[in-house]
Amino acid sequence: MKKILLLVILINGLSLYAKDDLSLKTYENSRFEFLIDYPSKIFVNKEFPANGDGVFLSNQDKSVTLTPSGSHAIIVSDIKEIYKKYINWIEEEKNTQLTYKVQKKNWFILSGFKENKKTIFYEKRMLVNETLIGYELTYPTAKKKRYNPIIKILNKSLKKIK
């Protein structure tokens, strides 16, 4: 009986930690007019590039990173072309393996491994009115179960404003 009670207390404590861990903040990019929600207790470090195209977010030890960003897609304004270019860039990177790719009407997702499968990357990009918006999330493969649920939050909240 004591073991069951201890197990219930432990599970409840972990679920509270998980909920607390996922308190969300919104990053809004005024240059490319998009927003995305992110877990603020995980991504505690912020670095802003001078050009205002996005933000670099990371956890305390920088082993988990989130980079929401935007760019103009004036020269190449076809999502299929942009998708192919991203695939080529990823395939040219050393120690990177693309394991998942999907392209739909105005968006695509690319995912796989970096650093000889030590790190997972997940990238989503959307083309809206000649503006490419999206994010890249990287995290240790060993912590896949902890960080995979964050992808749903990011995908659901990524939006073009205006």
C-alpha atoms as a PDB file:
ATOM      1  CA  MET A   1       0.000   0.000   0.000  1.00  0.00           C
ATOM      2  CA  LYS A   2       2.818   2.400   0.862  1.00  0.00           C
ATOM      3  CA  LYS A   3       4.427   1.712  -2.531  1.00  0.00           C
ATOM      4  CA  ILE A   4       1.199   2.587  -4.363  1.00  0.00           C
ATOM      5  CA  LEU A   5       0.772   5.793  -2.357  1.00  0.00           C
ATOM      6  CA  LEU A   6       4.385   6.743  -3.034  1.00  0.00           C
ATOM      7  CA  LEU A   7       3.894   6.046  -6.758  1.00  0.00           C
ATOM      8  CA  VAL A   8       0.739   8.227  -6.875  1.00  0.00           C
ATOM      9  CA  ILE A   9       2.567  11.091  -5.138  1.00  0.00           C
ATOM     10  CA  LEU A  10       5.507  10.756  -7.513  1.00  0.00           C
ATOM     11  CA  ILE A  11       3.284  10.751 -10.631  1.00  0.00           C
ATOM     12  CA  ASN A  12       1.317  13.771  -9.416  1.00  0.00           C
ATOM     13  CA  GLY A  13       4.541  15.615  -8.654  1.00  0.00           C
ATOM     14  CA  LEU A  14       5.899  14.887 -12.127  1.00  0.00           C
ATOM     15  CA  SER A  15       2.701  16.030 -13.828  1.00  0.00           C
ATOM     16  CA  LEU A  16       2.785  19.287 -11.859  1.00  0.00           C
ATOM     17  CA  TYR A  17       6.399  19.753 -12.911  1.00  0.00           C
ATOM     18  CA  ALA A  18       5.453  19.146 -16.550  1.00  0.00           C
ATOM     19  CA  LYS A  19       2.604  21.691 -16.429  1.00  0.00           C
ATOM     20  CA  ASP A  20       4.823  24.241 -14.705  1.00  0.00           C
ATOM     21  CA  ASP A  21       7.541  23.602 -17.260  1.00  0.00           C
ATOM     22  CA  LEU A  22       5.160  24.514 -20.090  1.00  0.00           C
ATOM     23  CA  SER A  23       3.977  27.949 -18.995  1.00  0.00           C
ATOM     24  CA  LEU A  24       3.959  29.801 -22.285  1.00  0.00           C
ATOM     25  CA  LYS A  25       5.160  33.170 -23.497  1.00  0.00           C
ATOM     26  CA  THR A  26       4.588  34.613 -26.937  1.00  0.00           C
ATOM     27  CA  TYR A  27       7.413  35.798 -29.148  1.00  0.00           C
ATOM     28  CA  GLU A  28       6.153  38.361 -31.635  1.00  0.00           C
ATOM     29  CA  ASN A  29       8.281  39.459 -34.575  1.00  0.00           C
ATOM     30  CA  SER A  30       7.257  42.890 -35.826  1.00  0.00           C
ATOM     31  CA  ARG A  31       9.589  42.867 -38.842  1.00  0.00           C
ATOM     32  CA  PHE A  32       8.049  39.743 -40.423  1.00  0.00           C
ATOM     33  CA  GLU A  33       4.722  39.991 -38.585  1.00  0.00           C
ATOM     34  CA  PHE A  34       4.448  36.565 -36.992  1.00  0.00           C
ATOM     35  CA  LEU A  35       4.135  35.098 -33.534  1.00  0.00           C
ATOM     36  CA  ILE A  36       4.794  31.814 -31.789  1.00  0.00           C
ATOM     37  CA  ASP A  37       4.277  30.548 -28.224  1.00  0.00           C
ATOM     38  CA  TYR A  38       7.133  28.847 -26.399  1.00  0.00           C
ATOM     39  CA  PRO A  39       7.684  27.326 -22.928  1.00  0.00           C
ATOM     40  CA  SER A  40       9.316  30.176 -21.029  1.00  0.00           C
ATOM     41  CA  LYS A  41      10.660  28.040 -18.184  1.00  0.00           C
ATOM     42  CA  ILE A  42      12.620  25.889 -20.636  1.00  0.00           C
ATOM     43  CA  PHE A  43      13.883  28.636 -22.934  1.00  0.00           C
ATOM     44  CA  VAL A  44      15.455  31.016 -20.452  1.00  0.00           C
ATOM     45  CA  ASN A  45      18.252  32.475 -22.615  1.00  0.00           C
ATOM     46  CA  LYS A  46      17.452  34.935 -25.425  1.00  0.00           C
ATOM     47  CA  GLU A  47      19.695  36.413 -28.089  1.00  0.00           C
ATOM     48  CA  PHE A  48      18.349  38.865 -30.669  1.00  0.00           C
ATOM     49  CA  PRO A  49      20.186  39.371 -33.975  1.00  0.00           C
ATOM     50  CA  ALA A  50      20.698  42.971 -35.064  1.00  0.00           C
ATOM     51  CA  ASN A  51      18.634  42.555 -38.250  1.00  0.00           C
ATOM     52  CA  GLY A  52      15.433  41.666 -36.348  1.00  0.00           C
ATOM     53  CA  ASP A  53      14.710  38.490 -38.296  1.00  0.00           C
ATOM     54  CA  GLY A  54      14.060  36.367 -35.200  1.00  0.00           C
ATOM     55  CA  VAL A  55      15.363  35.277 -31.834  1.00  0.00           C
ATOM     56  CA  PHE A  56      17.670  32.532 -30.560  1.00  0.00           C
ATOM     57  CA  LEU A  57      16.195  30.873 -27.464  1.00  0.00           C
ATOM     58  CA  SER A  58      17.903  28.180 -25.414  1.00  0.00           C
ATOM     59  CA  ASN A  59      17.703  26.318 -22.154  1.00  0.00           C
ATOM     60  CA  GLN A  60      20.150  26.939 -19.318  1.00  0.00           C
ATOM     61  CA  ASP A  61      22.997  24.812 -20.736  1.00  0.00           C
ATOM     62  CA  LYS A  62      22.151  25.578 -24.417  1.00  0.00           C
ATOM     63  CA  SER A  63      21.579  21.897 -25.237  1.00  0.00           C
ATOM     64  CA  VAL A  64      18.022  22.741 -26.375  1.00  0.00           C
ATOM     65  CA  THR A  65      17.513  25.587 -28.841  1.00  0.00           C
ATOM     66  CA  LEU A  66      14.551  27.232 -30.517  1.00  0.00           C
ATOM     67  CA  THR A  67      15.048  29.724 -33.333  1.00  0.00           C
ATOM     68  CA  PRO A  68      11.858  31.370 -34.633  1.00  0.00           C
ATOM     69  CA  SER A  69      12.660  33.554 -37.637  1.00  0.00           C
ATOM     70  CA  GLY A  70      11.376  35.136 -40.800  1.00  0.00           C
ATOM     71  CA  SER A  71      12.733  36.157 -44.187  1.00  0.00           C
ATOM     72  CA  HIS A  72      11.578  37.659 -47.446  1.00  0.00           C
ATOM     73  CA  ALA A  73      10.885  35.145 -50.191  1.00  0.00           C
ATOM     74  CA  ILE A  74      10.672  37.607 -53.071  1.00  0.00           C
ATOM     75  CA  ILE A  75      13.135  35.850 -55.408  1.00  0.00           C
ATOM     76  CA  VAL A  76      11.795  32.353 -54.756  1.00  0.00           C
ATOM     77  CA  SER A  77       8.118  32.643 -53.890  1.00  0.00           C
ATOM     78  CA  ASP A  78       7.145  29.017 -54.543  1.00  0.00           C
ATOM     79  CA  ILE A  79       6.958  26.789 -51.465  1.00  0.00           C
ATOM     80  CA  LYS A  80       8.048  23.731 -53.483  1.00  0.00           C
ATOM     81  CA  GLU A  81      11.262  25.469 -54.565  1.00  0.00           C
ATOM     82  CA  ILE A  82      12.002  26.689 -51.038  1.00  0.00           C
ATOM     83  CA  TYR A  83      11.332  23.174 -49.694  1.00  0.00           C
ATOM     84  CA  LYS A  84      13.826  21.663 -52.164  1.00  0.00           C
ATOM     85  CA  LYS A  85      16.459  24.269 -51.268  1.00  0.00           C
ATOM     86  CA  TYR A  86      16.106  23.505 -47.541  1.00  0.00           C
ATOM     87  CA  ILE A  87      16.416  19.770 -48.221  1.00  0.00           C
ATOM     88  CA  ASN A  88      19.598  20.400 -50.242  1.00  0.00           C
ATOM     89  CA  TRP A  89      21.074  22.567 -47.455  1.00  0.00           C
ATOM     90  CA  ILE A  90      20.372  19.888 -44.856  1.00  0.00           C
ATOM     91  CA  GLU A  91      21.743  17.077 -47.012  1.00  0.00           C
ATOM     92  CA  GLU A  92      24.973  19.062 -47.567  1.00  0.00           C
ATOM     93  CA  GLU A  93      25.598  19.407 -43.813  1.00  0.00           C
ATOM     94  CA  LYS A  94      28.073  16.931 -42.348  1.00  0.00           C
ATOM     95  CA  ASN A  95      26.846  14.572 -39.631  1.00  0.00           C
ATOM     96  CA  THR A  96      23.214  15.411 -40.470  1.00  0.00           C
ATOM     97  CA  GLN A  97      20.576  12.882 -41.459  1.00  0.00           C
ATOM     98  CA  LEU A  98      17.157  13.893 -42.797  1.00  0.00           C
ATOM     99  CA  THR A  99      14.600  11.311 -41.654  1.00  0.00           C
ATOM    100  CA  TYR A 100      11.261  13.061 -42.119  1.00  0.00           C
ATOM    101  CA  LYS A 101      10.004  15.519 -44.711  1.00  0.00           C
ATOM    102  CA  VAL A 102       6.553  16.697 -45.732  1.00  0.00           C
ATOM    103  CA  GLN A 103       5.423  19.586 -47.901  1.00  0.00           C
ATOM    104  CA  LYS A 104       1.835  20.852 -48.152  1.00  0.00           C
ATOM    105  CA  LYS A 105       0.042  23.828 -49.676  1.00  0.00           C
ATOM    106  CA  ASN A 106       2.039  26.663 -48.046  1.00  0.00           C
ATOM    107  CA  TRP A 107       4.283  24.929 -45.492  1.00  0.00           C
ATOM    108  CA  PHE A 108       6.820  22.170 -44.961  1.00  0.00           C
ATOM    109  CA  ILE A 109       8.433  20.235 -42.122  1.00  0.00           C
ATOM    110  CA  LEU A 110      11.904  18.709 -42.075  1.00  0.00           C
ATOM    111  CA  SER A 111      13.294  16.631 -39.242  1.00  0.00           C
ATOM    112  CA  GLY A 112      16.168  14.309 -38.490  1.00  0.00           C
ATOM    113  CA  PHE A 113      19.434  13.967 -36.623  1.00  0.00           C
ATOM    114  CA  LYS A 114      22.581  16.054 -36.209  1.00  0.00           C
ATOM    115  CA  GLU A 115      25.923  15.255 -34.607  1.00  0.00           C
ATOM    116  CA  ASN A 116      25.823  11.527 -35.434  1.00  0.00           C
ATOM    117  CA  LYS A 117      22.314  11.101 -33.990  1.00  0.00           C
ATOM    118  CA  LYS A 118      23.089  12.862 -30.691  1.00  0.00           C
ATOM    119  CA  THR A 119      20.712  15.736 -31.526  1.00  0.00           C
ATOM    120  CA  ILE A 120      17.254  15.885 -33.107  1.00  0.00           C
ATOM    121  CA  PHE A 121      16.275  18.833 -35.282  1.00  0.00           C
ATOM    122  CA  TYR A 122      12.734  19.764 -36.273  1.00  0.00           C
ATOM    123  CA  GLU A 123      12.036  22.609 -38.630  1.00  0.00           C
ATOM    124  CA  LYS A 124       8.761  24.096 -39.850  1.00  0.00           C
ATOM    125  CA  ARG A 125       8.472  26.865 -42.440  1.00  0.00           C
ATOM    126  CA  MET A 126       5.368  28.611 -43.826  1.00  0.00           C
ATOM    127  CA  LEU A 127       5.152  30.857 -46.871  1.00  0.00           C
ATOM    128  CA  VAL A 128       2.618  33.663 -46.413  1.00  0.00           C
ATOM    129  CA  ASN A 129       2.458  36.634 -48.819  1.00  0.00           C
ATOM    130  CA  GLU A 130       6.113  36.356 -49.926  1.00  0.00           C
ATOM    131  CA  THR A 131       7.257  36.025 -46.315  1.00  0.00           C
ATOM    132  CA  LEU A 132       8.790  32.804 -45.025  1.00  0.00           C
ATOM    133  CA  ILE A 133       8.227  32.310 -41.299  1.00  0.00           C
ATOM    134  CA  GLY A 134       8.985  29.382 -39.045  1.00  0.00           C
ATOM    135  CA  TYR A 135      11.304  27.882 -36.497  1.00  0.00           C
ATOM    136  CA  GLU A 136      13.948  25.274 -35.842  1.00  0.00           C
ATOM    137  CA  LEU A 137      13.986  23.266 -32.612  1.00  0.00           C
ATOM    138  CA  THR A 138      16.997  21.165 -31.604  1.00  0.00           C
ATOM    139  CA  TYR A 139      17.295  18.917 -28.568  1.00  0.00           C
ATOM    140  CA  PRO A 140      19.271  15.880 -27.348  1.00  0.00           C
ATOM    141  CA  THR A 141      18.027  12.569 -28.754  1.00  0.00           C
ATOM    142  CA  ALA A 142      18.183  11.120 -25.244  1.00  0.00           C
ATOM    143  CA  LYS A 143      15.490  13.619 -24.154  1.00  0.00           C
ATOM    144  CA  LYS A 144      13.114  12.960 -27.052  1.00  0.00           C
ATOM    145  CA  LYS A 145      10.096  12.128 -24.844  1.00  0.00           C
ATOM    146  CA  ARG A 146      10.470  15.361 -22.907  1.00  0.00           C
ATOM    147  CA  TYR A 147      10.771  17.710 -25.905  1.00  0.00           C
ATOM    148  CA  ASN A 148       8.595  16.085 -28.582  1.00  0.00           C
ATOM    149  CA  PRO A 149       5.363  17.464 -26.999  1.00  0.00           C
ATOM    150  CA  ILE A 150       6.687  21.015 -27.406  1.00  0.00           C
ATOM    151  CA  ILE A 151       6.453  20.607 -31.187  1.00  0.00           C
ATOM    152  CA  LYS A 152       2.640  20.497 -30.973  1.00  0.00           C
ATOM    153  CA  ILE A 153       2.616  23.778 -29.060  1.00  0.00           C
ATOM    154  CA  LEU A 154       4.952  25.442 -31.547  1.00  0.00           C
ATOM    155  CA  ASN A 155       3.068  24.189 -34.615  1.00  0.00           C
ATOM    156  CA  LYS A 156      -0.308  25.182 -33.231  1.00  0.00           C
ATOM    157  CA  SER A 157       0.782  28.688 -32.239  1.00  0.00           C
ATOM    158  CA  LEU A 158       2.924  29.711 -35.241  1.00  0.00           C
ATOM    159  CA  LYS A 159       0.892  32.387 -37.041  1.00  0.00           C
ATOM    160  CA  LYS A 160       1.301  35.233 -39.445  1.00  0.00           C
ATOM    161  CA  ILE A 161      -0.278  38.396 -38.046  1.00  0.00           C
ATOM    162  CA  LYS A 162      -1.743  41.166 -40.204  1.00  0.00           C
END
